[in-house]
N, C-alpha and C. Protein backbone atom coordinates (compact mmCIF):
# COMPACT_ATOMS: atom_id res chain seq x y z
N MET A 1 89.08 92.75 124.93
CA MET A 1 89.91 92.20 123.87
C MET A 1 90.56 90.90 124.34
N LYS A 2 91.03 90.88 125.60
CA LYS A 2 91.66 89.68 126.13
C LYS A 2 90.66 88.53 126.22
N LYS A 3 89.39 88.86 126.56
CA LYS A 3 88.36 87.82 126.66
C LYS A 3 88.09 87.21 125.29
N ILE A 4 88.05 88.02 124.25
CA ILE A 4 87.80 87.53 122.89
C ILE A 4 88.96 86.64 122.44
N LEU A 5 90.17 87.11 122.67
CA LEU A 5 91.35 86.33 122.30
C LEU A 5 91.38 85.00 123.07
N PHE A 6 91.09 85.04 124.35
CA PHE A 6 91.06 83.83 125.17
C PHE A 6 89.99 82.86 124.66
N THR A 7 88.81 83.39 124.32
CA THR A 7 87.71 82.57 123.81
C THR A 7 88.10 81.91 122.49
N LEU A 8 88.74 82.66 121.60
CA LEU A 8 89.17 82.10 120.31
C LEU A 8 90.21 81.00 120.50
N ILE A 9 91.17 81.24 121.37
CA ILE A 9 92.21 80.23 121.64
C ILE A 9 91.58 78.98 122.24
N LEU A 10 90.67 79.16 123.17
CA LEU A 10 90.00 78.03 123.81
C LEU A 10 89.17 77.25 122.78
N ALA A 11 88.46 77.94 121.92
CA ALA A 11 87.64 77.28 120.89
C ALA A 11 88.53 76.52 119.91
N PHE A 12 89.62 77.13 119.49
CA PHE A 12 90.54 76.48 118.54
C PHE A 12 91.17 75.24 119.17
N THR A 13 91.58 75.35 120.42
CA THR A 13 92.16 74.21 121.13
C THR A 13 91.14 73.09 121.27
N GLY A 14 89.91 73.43 121.55
CA GLY A 14 88.84 72.43 121.67
C GLY A 14 88.58 71.72 120.35
N MET A 15 88.62 72.47 119.24
CA MET A 15 88.40 71.86 117.93
C MET A 15 89.52 70.87 117.61
N ILE A 16 90.74 71.21 117.92
CA ILE A 16 91.87 70.31 117.66
C ILE A 16 91.75 69.07 118.54
N GLY A 17 91.40 69.26 119.79
CA GLY A 17 91.30 68.15 120.73
C GLY A 17 90.21 67.15 120.38
N PHE A 18 89.12 67.61 119.76
CA PHE A 18 88.01 66.73 119.44
C PHE A 18 88.01 66.25 118.00
N SER A 19 89.00 66.65 117.23
CA SER A 19 89.05 66.17 115.85
C SER A 19 89.39 64.69 115.86
N GLN A 20 88.84 63.96 114.90
CA GLN A 20 89.04 62.51 114.86
C GLN A 20 90.08 62.14 113.84
N ALA A 21 90.65 60.97 114.03
CA ALA A 21 91.63 60.45 113.08
C ALA A 21 90.92 60.10 111.77
N ASP A 22 91.69 60.08 110.70
CA ASP A 22 91.15 59.73 109.39
C ASP A 22 90.83 58.24 109.36
N THR A 23 89.53 57.91 109.37
CA THR A 23 89.11 56.52 109.33
C THR A 23 88.54 56.14 107.98
N THR A 24 88.62 57.05 107.01
CA THR A 24 88.06 56.77 105.70
C THR A 24 88.96 55.88 104.87
N ARG A 25 90.23 55.85 105.18
CA ARG A 25 91.17 55.01 104.44
C ARG A 25 91.21 53.62 105.06
N ALA A 26 91.14 52.62 104.22
CA ALA A 26 91.23 51.24 104.69
C ALA A 26 92.62 50.99 105.28
N PRO A 27 92.73 50.13 106.28
CA PRO A 27 94.03 49.86 106.91
C PRO A 27 95.11 49.40 105.94
N TYR A 28 94.74 48.65 104.89
CA TYR A 28 95.78 48.16 103.96
C TYR A 28 96.48 49.31 103.24
N LEU A 29 95.83 50.46 103.14
CA LEU A 29 96.47 51.62 102.52
C LEU A 29 97.47 52.28 103.47
N LYS A 30 97.21 52.16 104.76
CA LYS A 30 98.12 52.72 105.76
C LYS A 30 99.29 51.78 106.02
N PHE A 31 99.04 50.48 105.86
CA PHE A 31 100.06 49.45 106.11
C PHE A 31 100.15 48.54 104.89
N PRO A 32 100.83 48.99 103.82
CA PRO A 32 100.82 48.27 102.54
C PRO A 32 101.77 47.07 102.45
N THR A 33 101.74 46.23 103.46
CA THR A 33 102.49 44.97 103.43
C THR A 33 101.51 43.85 103.77
N TYR A 34 101.96 42.61 103.60
CA TYR A 34 101.07 41.48 103.90
C TYR A 34 100.57 41.60 105.34
N PRO A 35 99.27 41.46 105.55
CA PRO A 35 98.69 41.71 106.88
C PRO A 35 99.07 40.68 107.94
N PRO A 36 99.02 41.09 109.20
CA PRO A 36 99.34 40.19 110.31
C PRO A 36 98.14 39.33 110.70
N VAL A 37 97.64 38.57 109.75
CA VAL A 37 96.44 37.77 109.97
C VAL A 37 96.83 36.33 110.33
N LYS A 38 96.02 35.71 111.16
CA LYS A 38 96.21 34.31 111.56
C LYS A 38 95.02 33.53 111.00
N LEU A 39 95.30 32.65 110.04
CA LEU A 39 94.26 31.89 109.36
C LEU A 39 94.27 30.44 109.84
N LEU A 40 93.09 29.88 110.06
CA LEU A 40 92.96 28.50 110.50
C LEU A 40 92.92 27.58 109.29
N MET A 41 93.85 26.63 109.25
CA MET A 41 93.92 25.69 108.14
C MET A 41 92.75 24.71 108.20
N THR A 42 92.49 24.03 107.09
CA THR A 42 91.34 23.14 107.01
C THR A 42 91.45 21.92 107.92
N ASP A 43 92.64 21.64 108.45
CA ASP A 43 92.77 20.54 109.41
C ASP A 43 92.25 20.95 110.79
N SER A 44 91.90 22.20 110.95
CA SER A 44 91.34 22.82 112.16
C SER A 44 92.28 22.82 113.37
N THR A 45 93.56 22.55 113.14
CA THR A 45 94.51 22.57 114.25
C THR A 45 95.72 23.46 114.00
N THR A 46 96.09 23.66 112.74
CA THR A 46 97.27 24.47 112.44
C THR A 46 96.85 25.82 111.88
N PHE A 47 97.78 26.77 111.97
CA PHE A 47 97.51 28.13 111.52
C PHE A 47 98.48 28.54 110.42
N PHE A 48 98.01 29.44 109.58
CA PHE A 48 98.83 30.02 108.53
C PHE A 48 98.98 31.50 108.86
N THR A 49 100.23 31.97 108.95
CA THR A 49 100.50 33.36 109.29
C THR A 49 101.46 33.97 108.27
N ARG A 50 101.79 35.21 108.48
CA ARG A 50 102.75 35.90 107.61
C ARG A 50 104.09 35.15 107.58
N GLU A 51 104.46 34.57 108.69
CA GLU A 51 105.72 33.82 108.78
C GLU A 51 105.67 32.53 107.96
N SER A 52 104.48 32.05 107.63
CA SER A 52 104.32 30.82 106.85
C SER A 52 104.54 31.04 105.36
N LEU A 53 104.55 32.30 104.94
CA LEU A 53 104.69 32.61 103.51
C LEU A 53 106.06 32.20 102.99
N ASP A 54 106.06 31.78 101.73
CA ASP A 54 107.33 31.49 101.05
C ASP A 54 108.05 32.83 100.88
N LYS A 55 109.28 32.89 101.30
CA LYS A 55 110.03 34.15 101.31
C LYS A 55 110.44 34.64 99.92
N LYS A 56 110.43 33.76 98.93
CA LYS A 56 110.97 34.13 97.61
C LYS A 56 109.93 34.25 96.51
N THR A 57 108.65 34.21 96.84
CA THR A 57 107.64 34.27 95.79
C THR A 57 106.62 35.37 96.07
N PRO A 58 106.03 35.90 95.00
CA PRO A 58 104.95 36.86 95.19
C PRO A 58 103.72 36.14 95.76
N VAL A 59 102.80 36.91 96.33
CA VAL A 59 101.62 36.34 96.98
C VAL A 59 100.35 36.98 96.42
N MET A 60 99.35 36.13 96.21
CA MET A 60 98.02 36.62 95.86
C MET A 60 97.06 36.13 96.94
N VAL A 61 96.36 37.06 97.57
CA VAL A 61 95.34 36.72 98.55
C VAL A 61 94.00 36.79 97.85
N MET A 62 93.20 35.73 97.99
CA MET A 62 91.85 35.73 97.42
C MET A 62 90.87 35.49 98.55
N PHE A 63 90.09 36.52 98.87
CA PHE A 63 89.03 36.36 99.87
C PHE A 63 87.78 36.00 99.09
N PHE A 64 87.16 34.87 99.45
CA PHE A 64 86.06 34.35 98.65
C PHE A 64 84.94 33.83 99.54
N ASP A 65 83.84 33.48 98.89
CA ASP A 65 82.72 32.81 99.54
C ASP A 65 82.48 31.54 98.74
N PRO A 66 82.48 30.37 99.36
CA PRO A 66 82.31 29.12 98.62
C PRO A 66 81.01 29.06 97.81
N GLY A 67 80.00 29.81 98.18
CA GLY A 67 78.74 29.80 97.45
C GLY A 67 78.63 30.86 96.37
N CYS A 68 79.63 31.70 96.24
CA CYS A 68 79.62 32.82 95.28
C CYS A 68 79.98 32.32 93.88
N ASP A 69 79.10 32.56 92.91
CA ASP A 69 79.36 32.11 91.53
C ASP A 69 80.62 32.75 90.94
N HIS A 70 80.82 34.04 91.20
CA HIS A 70 82.03 34.71 90.69
C HIS A 70 83.29 34.07 91.28
N CYS A 71 83.21 33.70 92.55
CA CYS A 71 84.35 33.06 93.21
C CYS A 71 84.62 31.68 92.61
N LYS A 72 83.56 30.96 92.29
CA LYS A 72 83.70 29.64 91.67
C LYS A 72 84.37 29.77 90.31
N HIS A 73 83.91 30.73 89.51
CA HIS A 73 84.50 30.93 88.17
C HIS A 73 85.96 31.38 88.27
N GLU A 74 86.25 32.25 89.21
CA GLU A 74 87.64 32.71 89.40
C GLU A 74 88.54 31.54 89.79
N THR A 75 88.03 30.67 90.65
CA THR A 75 88.80 29.49 91.07
C THR A 75 89.02 28.55 89.89
N GLU A 76 88.00 28.34 89.08
CA GLU A 76 88.14 27.51 87.87
C GLU A 76 89.23 28.08 86.96
N ASP A 77 89.22 29.39 86.78
CA ASP A 77 90.23 30.04 85.94
C ASP A 77 91.63 29.88 86.54
N LEU A 78 91.74 29.99 87.86
CA LEU A 78 93.04 29.81 88.51
C LEU A 78 93.57 28.40 88.24
N VAL A 79 92.71 27.41 88.41
CA VAL A 79 93.11 26.02 88.21
C VAL A 79 93.52 25.78 86.76
N LYS A 80 92.74 26.31 85.82
CA LYS A 80 93.04 26.14 84.39
C LYS A 80 94.36 26.81 83.99
N ASN A 81 94.70 27.88 84.65
CA ASN A 81 95.89 28.66 84.29
C ASN A 81 97.02 28.53 85.30
N MET A 82 97.03 27.43 86.02
CA MET A 82 98.03 27.25 87.07
C MET A 82 99.46 27.26 86.53
N ASP A 83 99.63 26.88 85.27
CA ASP A 83 100.98 26.91 84.70
C ASP A 83 101.56 28.32 84.68
N GLN A 84 100.71 29.35 84.59
CA GLN A 84 101.16 30.74 84.61
C GLN A 84 101.31 31.28 86.04
N LEU A 85 100.80 30.50 87.01
CA LEU A 85 100.80 30.96 88.40
C LEU A 85 101.61 30.06 89.33
N LYS A 86 102.35 29.12 88.77
CA LYS A 86 103.07 28.16 89.60
C LYS A 86 104.15 28.80 90.47
N ASP A 87 104.60 30.00 90.10
CA ASP A 87 105.62 30.70 90.89
C ASP A 87 105.00 31.75 91.83
N VAL A 88 103.69 31.60 92.10
CA VAL A 88 102.97 32.54 92.96
C VAL A 88 102.35 31.75 94.12
N GLN A 89 102.49 32.26 95.33
CA GLN A 89 101.81 31.63 96.45
C GLN A 89 100.41 32.22 96.53
N ILE A 90 99.41 31.36 96.46
CA ILE A 90 98.01 31.79 96.47
C ILE A 90 97.41 31.43 97.82
N VAL A 91 96.93 32.45 98.52
CA VAL A 91 96.30 32.26 99.83
C VAL A 91 94.82 32.55 99.65
N MET A 92 94.02 31.50 99.66
CA MET A 92 92.57 31.64 99.52
C MET A 92 91.95 31.54 100.91
N THR A 93 91.11 32.49 101.25
CA THR A 93 90.53 32.49 102.59
C THR A 93 89.10 33.00 102.57
N THR A 94 88.35 32.57 103.56
CA THR A 94 86.95 32.95 103.73
C THR A 94 86.62 32.87 105.22
N TYR A 95 85.50 33.45 105.58
CA TYR A 95 85.04 33.37 106.96
C TYR A 95 84.04 32.22 107.15
N LYS A 96 83.69 31.54 106.09
CA LYS A 96 82.69 30.46 106.14
C LYS A 96 83.19 29.28 106.98
N PRO A 97 82.28 28.39 107.40
CA PRO A 97 82.67 27.23 108.21
C PRO A 97 83.65 26.31 107.48
N LEU A 98 84.47 25.62 108.26
CA LEU A 98 85.48 24.73 107.70
C LEU A 98 84.88 23.63 106.83
N THR A 99 83.67 23.18 107.16
CA THR A 99 83.04 22.14 106.34
C THR A 99 82.82 22.63 104.91
N GLU A 100 82.36 23.87 104.77
CA GLU A 100 82.16 24.46 103.43
C GLU A 100 83.49 24.66 102.71
N ILE A 101 84.50 25.04 103.45
CA ILE A 101 85.83 25.26 102.86
C ILE A 101 86.39 23.93 102.35
N ARG A 102 86.26 22.88 103.16
CA ARG A 102 86.75 21.56 102.75
C ARG A 102 86.05 21.07 101.49
N GLU A 103 84.74 21.28 101.41
CA GLU A 103 83.98 20.88 100.21
C GLU A 103 84.48 21.65 98.99
N PHE A 104 84.74 22.92 99.16
CA PHE A 104 85.25 23.77 98.07
C PHE A 104 86.62 23.26 97.61
N VAL A 105 87.49 22.98 98.55
CA VAL A 105 88.83 22.47 98.24
C VAL A 105 88.72 21.15 97.49
N SER A 106 87.86 20.28 97.95
CA SER A 106 87.68 18.98 97.32
C SER A 106 87.10 19.11 95.91
N HIS A 107 86.10 19.96 95.75
CA HIS A 107 85.44 20.13 94.45
C HIS A 107 86.41 20.61 93.38
N TYR A 108 87.29 21.52 93.72
CA TYR A 108 88.24 22.08 92.75
C TYR A 108 89.63 21.42 92.84
N ALA A 109 89.75 20.39 93.66
CA ALA A 109 91.01 19.66 93.85
C ALA A 109 92.18 20.61 94.14
N LEU A 110 91.93 21.58 95.00
CA LEU A 110 92.93 22.59 95.30
C LEU A 110 94.10 22.04 96.11
N ASP A 111 93.87 20.95 96.82
CA ASP A 111 94.94 20.39 97.64
C ASP A 111 96.05 19.74 96.81
N LYS A 112 95.84 19.59 95.52
CA LYS A 112 96.91 19.02 94.68
C LYS A 112 97.93 20.08 94.23
N PHE A 113 97.64 21.34 94.51
CA PHE A 113 98.55 22.43 94.13
C PHE A 113 99.36 22.87 95.36
N SER A 114 100.65 22.70 95.28
CA SER A 114 101.51 23.03 96.43
C SER A 114 101.60 24.53 96.71
N ASN A 115 101.25 25.34 95.73
CA ASN A 115 101.34 26.79 95.91
C ASN A 115 100.02 27.42 96.38
N ILE A 116 98.99 26.60 96.62
CA ILE A 116 97.70 27.12 97.09
C ILE A 116 97.48 26.72 98.54
N VAL A 117 97.13 27.71 99.36
CA VAL A 117 96.75 27.50 100.75
C VAL A 117 95.31 27.96 100.87
N VAL A 118 94.46 27.12 101.43
CA VAL A 118 93.07 27.50 101.66
C VAL A 118 92.82 27.42 103.16
N ALA A 119 92.35 28.52 103.74
CA ALA A 119 92.19 28.58 105.19
C ALA A 119 91.03 29.49 105.57
N GLN A 120 90.66 29.42 106.83
CA GLN A 120 89.54 30.21 107.35
C GLN A 120 90.03 31.45 108.09
N ASP A 121 89.44 32.59 107.74
CA ASP A 121 89.69 33.83 108.48
C ASP A 121 88.72 33.83 109.66
N TYR A 122 89.03 33.02 110.66
CA TYR A 122 88.11 32.80 111.78
C TYR A 122 87.89 34.07 112.62
N GLY A 123 88.80 34.99 112.56
CA GLY A 123 88.67 36.24 113.32
C GLY A 123 88.02 37.36 112.53
N PHE A 124 87.64 37.07 111.28
CA PHE A 124 87.00 38.05 110.40
C PHE A 124 87.86 39.32 110.31
N PHE A 125 89.18 39.12 110.17
CA PHE A 125 90.14 40.23 110.14
C PHE A 125 90.20 40.90 108.77
N LEU A 126 90.27 40.11 107.70
CA LEU A 126 90.55 40.65 106.37
C LEU A 126 89.44 41.54 105.80
N PRO A 127 88.15 41.24 106.00
CA PRO A 127 87.13 42.14 105.43
C PRO A 127 87.27 43.59 105.89
N SER A 128 87.60 43.80 107.15
CA SER A 128 87.76 45.18 107.62
C SER A 128 89.13 45.74 107.24
N PHE A 129 90.15 44.89 107.20
CA PHE A 129 91.49 45.34 106.83
C PHE A 129 91.50 45.88 105.40
N TYR A 130 90.84 45.15 104.50
CA TYR A 130 90.80 45.55 103.09
C TYR A 130 89.54 46.34 102.71
N ASN A 131 88.60 46.47 103.63
CA ASN A 131 87.33 47.11 103.33
C ASN A 131 86.64 46.39 102.15
N ILE A 132 86.49 45.09 102.27
CA ILE A 132 85.95 44.25 101.20
C ILE A 132 84.45 44.47 101.06
N THR A 133 84.03 44.75 99.82
CA THR A 133 82.61 44.92 99.53
C THR A 133 82.11 43.96 98.46
N TYR A 134 83.00 43.39 97.66
CA TYR A 134 82.62 42.46 96.59
C TYR A 134 83.51 41.23 96.62
N PHE A 135 82.92 40.10 96.22
CA PHE A 135 83.67 38.85 96.10
C PHE A 135 83.85 38.50 94.64
N PRO A 136 84.91 37.84 94.27
CA PRO A 136 86.09 37.60 95.08
C PRO A 136 86.90 38.89 95.23
N PHE A 137 87.65 38.96 96.30
CA PHE A 137 88.55 40.08 96.53
C PHE A 137 89.97 39.56 96.34
N LEU A 138 90.77 40.29 95.59
CA LEU A 138 92.15 39.87 95.33
C LEU A 138 93.13 40.96 95.78
N ALA A 139 94.17 40.54 96.48
CA ALA A 139 95.25 41.44 96.87
C ALA A 139 96.56 40.83 96.39
N PHE A 140 97.40 41.64 95.77
CA PHE A 140 98.64 41.16 95.17
C PHE A 140 99.84 41.77 95.89
N TYR A 141 100.80 40.91 96.23
CA TYR A 141 102.01 41.33 96.92
C TYR A 141 103.24 40.83 96.16
N ASN A 142 104.28 41.65 96.14
CA ASN A 142 105.52 41.24 95.46
C ASN A 142 106.32 40.29 96.36
N LYS A 143 107.52 39.94 95.93
CA LYS A 143 108.36 38.99 96.68
C LYS A 143 108.73 39.51 98.07
N LYS A 144 108.77 40.83 98.21
CA LYS A 144 109.09 41.43 99.51
C LYS A 144 107.84 41.57 100.39
N LYS A 145 106.71 41.07 99.88
CA LYS A 145 105.41 41.11 100.56
C LYS A 145 104.88 42.54 100.69
N GLU A 146 105.24 43.38 99.71
CA GLU A 146 104.74 44.75 99.63
C GLU A 146 103.55 44.76 98.66
N LEU A 147 102.53 45.51 99.01
CA LEU A 147 101.31 45.55 98.21
C LEU A 147 101.57 46.08 96.81
N ILE A 148 101.06 45.36 95.81
CA ILE A 148 101.12 45.81 94.42
C ILE A 148 99.79 46.47 94.05
N ASP A 149 98.69 45.74 94.31
CA ASP A 149 97.37 46.23 93.92
C ASP A 149 96.29 45.37 94.59
N VAL A 150 95.06 45.87 94.59
CA VAL A 150 93.90 45.10 95.04
C VAL A 150 92.83 45.19 93.97
N PHE A 151 91.94 44.21 93.98
CA PHE A 151 90.86 44.17 92.99
C PHE A 151 89.65 43.53 93.64
N GLN A 152 88.47 44.16 93.49
CA GLN A 152 87.23 43.60 94.02
C GLN A 152 86.35 43.15 92.87
N GLY A 153 85.86 41.92 92.96
CA GLY A 153 85.03 41.35 91.91
C GLY A 153 85.86 40.45 91.01
N PRO A 154 85.20 39.80 90.05
CA PRO A 154 85.94 38.88 89.17
C PRO A 154 86.98 39.63 88.34
N MET A 155 88.14 39.04 88.19
CA MET A 155 89.24 39.67 87.46
C MET A 155 89.62 38.79 86.28
N PRO A 156 89.71 39.36 85.09
CA PRO A 156 90.14 38.56 83.93
C PRO A 156 91.52 37.96 84.18
N MET A 157 91.71 36.72 83.76
CA MET A 157 92.96 36.01 84.04
C MET A 157 94.17 36.72 83.47
N GLU A 158 94.05 37.32 82.29
CA GLU A 158 95.19 38.02 81.69
C GLU A 158 95.65 39.16 82.61
N LYS A 159 94.68 39.90 83.14
CA LYS A 159 95.01 41.02 84.02
C LYS A 159 95.58 40.51 85.34
N LEU A 160 95.05 39.41 85.85
CA LEU A 160 95.53 38.83 87.09
C LEU A 160 97.00 38.43 86.95
N VAL A 161 97.32 37.72 85.88
CA VAL A 161 98.70 37.26 85.64
C VAL A 161 99.63 38.46 85.47
N GLU A 162 99.17 39.46 84.73
CA GLU A 162 99.98 40.67 84.51
C GLU A 162 100.24 41.40 85.83
N THR A 163 99.21 41.50 86.67
CA THR A 163 99.34 42.23 87.93
C THR A 163 100.30 41.54 88.89
N ILE A 164 100.19 40.23 89.03
CA ILE A 164 101.03 39.53 90.00
C ILE A 164 102.48 39.46 89.55
N HIS A 165 102.73 39.59 88.26
CA HIS A 165 104.11 39.54 87.77
C HIS A 165 104.71 40.92 87.54
N LYS A 166 104.11 41.95 88.13
CA LYS A 166 104.66 43.31 88.00
C LYS A 166 105.97 43.40 88.73
C-alpha cells in the first residue's frame, strides 16, 4: 500500500513539475498596456519608445506592410479622416527596410501630420507580442496607455474612430 501511495505521489509531483506555462495567450493579453518596444525612426538614428508617447492622448498602433493593398487603403482613409483623429497619436510601424518606409511616408505625405509617427520595428517585437496574422493590425490604447481593443485586417473608419474614442 505504501509503494502504491508513494508511486502516485511521485507521478503527481512529476506531472506538476513538467507542466508548461500557458503560451496560447498572446503577450498583449497578459500585459494590456502599451508595449516596451523600441522603434527606429526613419532618420535611422533616433528611437521612438513608450516614453516618447504624448502623455495626454490616446494611441493607435498600426502595424503595416508598405506593399499591402489593405494597408495602403487604411492609410488613405486615415489621411482623409485626420480631422476626426487629430487628438490621437498614431504610431505606424513595420519590419520592412527604412527605404520602403520612407517611400511610404512620402507617398502619403505622412510627415505633415504632427500626430503620426512612422518607424521601423527593427527587432521584430510587435508581431509576436500581438500575435499578428493579418495586415493592417491595429491596437488601440486610452490616454493612460491601457489597451482598449485590437483589430486584424482592414477596419472601417467609422468603427476605428468609435473604438479609439471609447
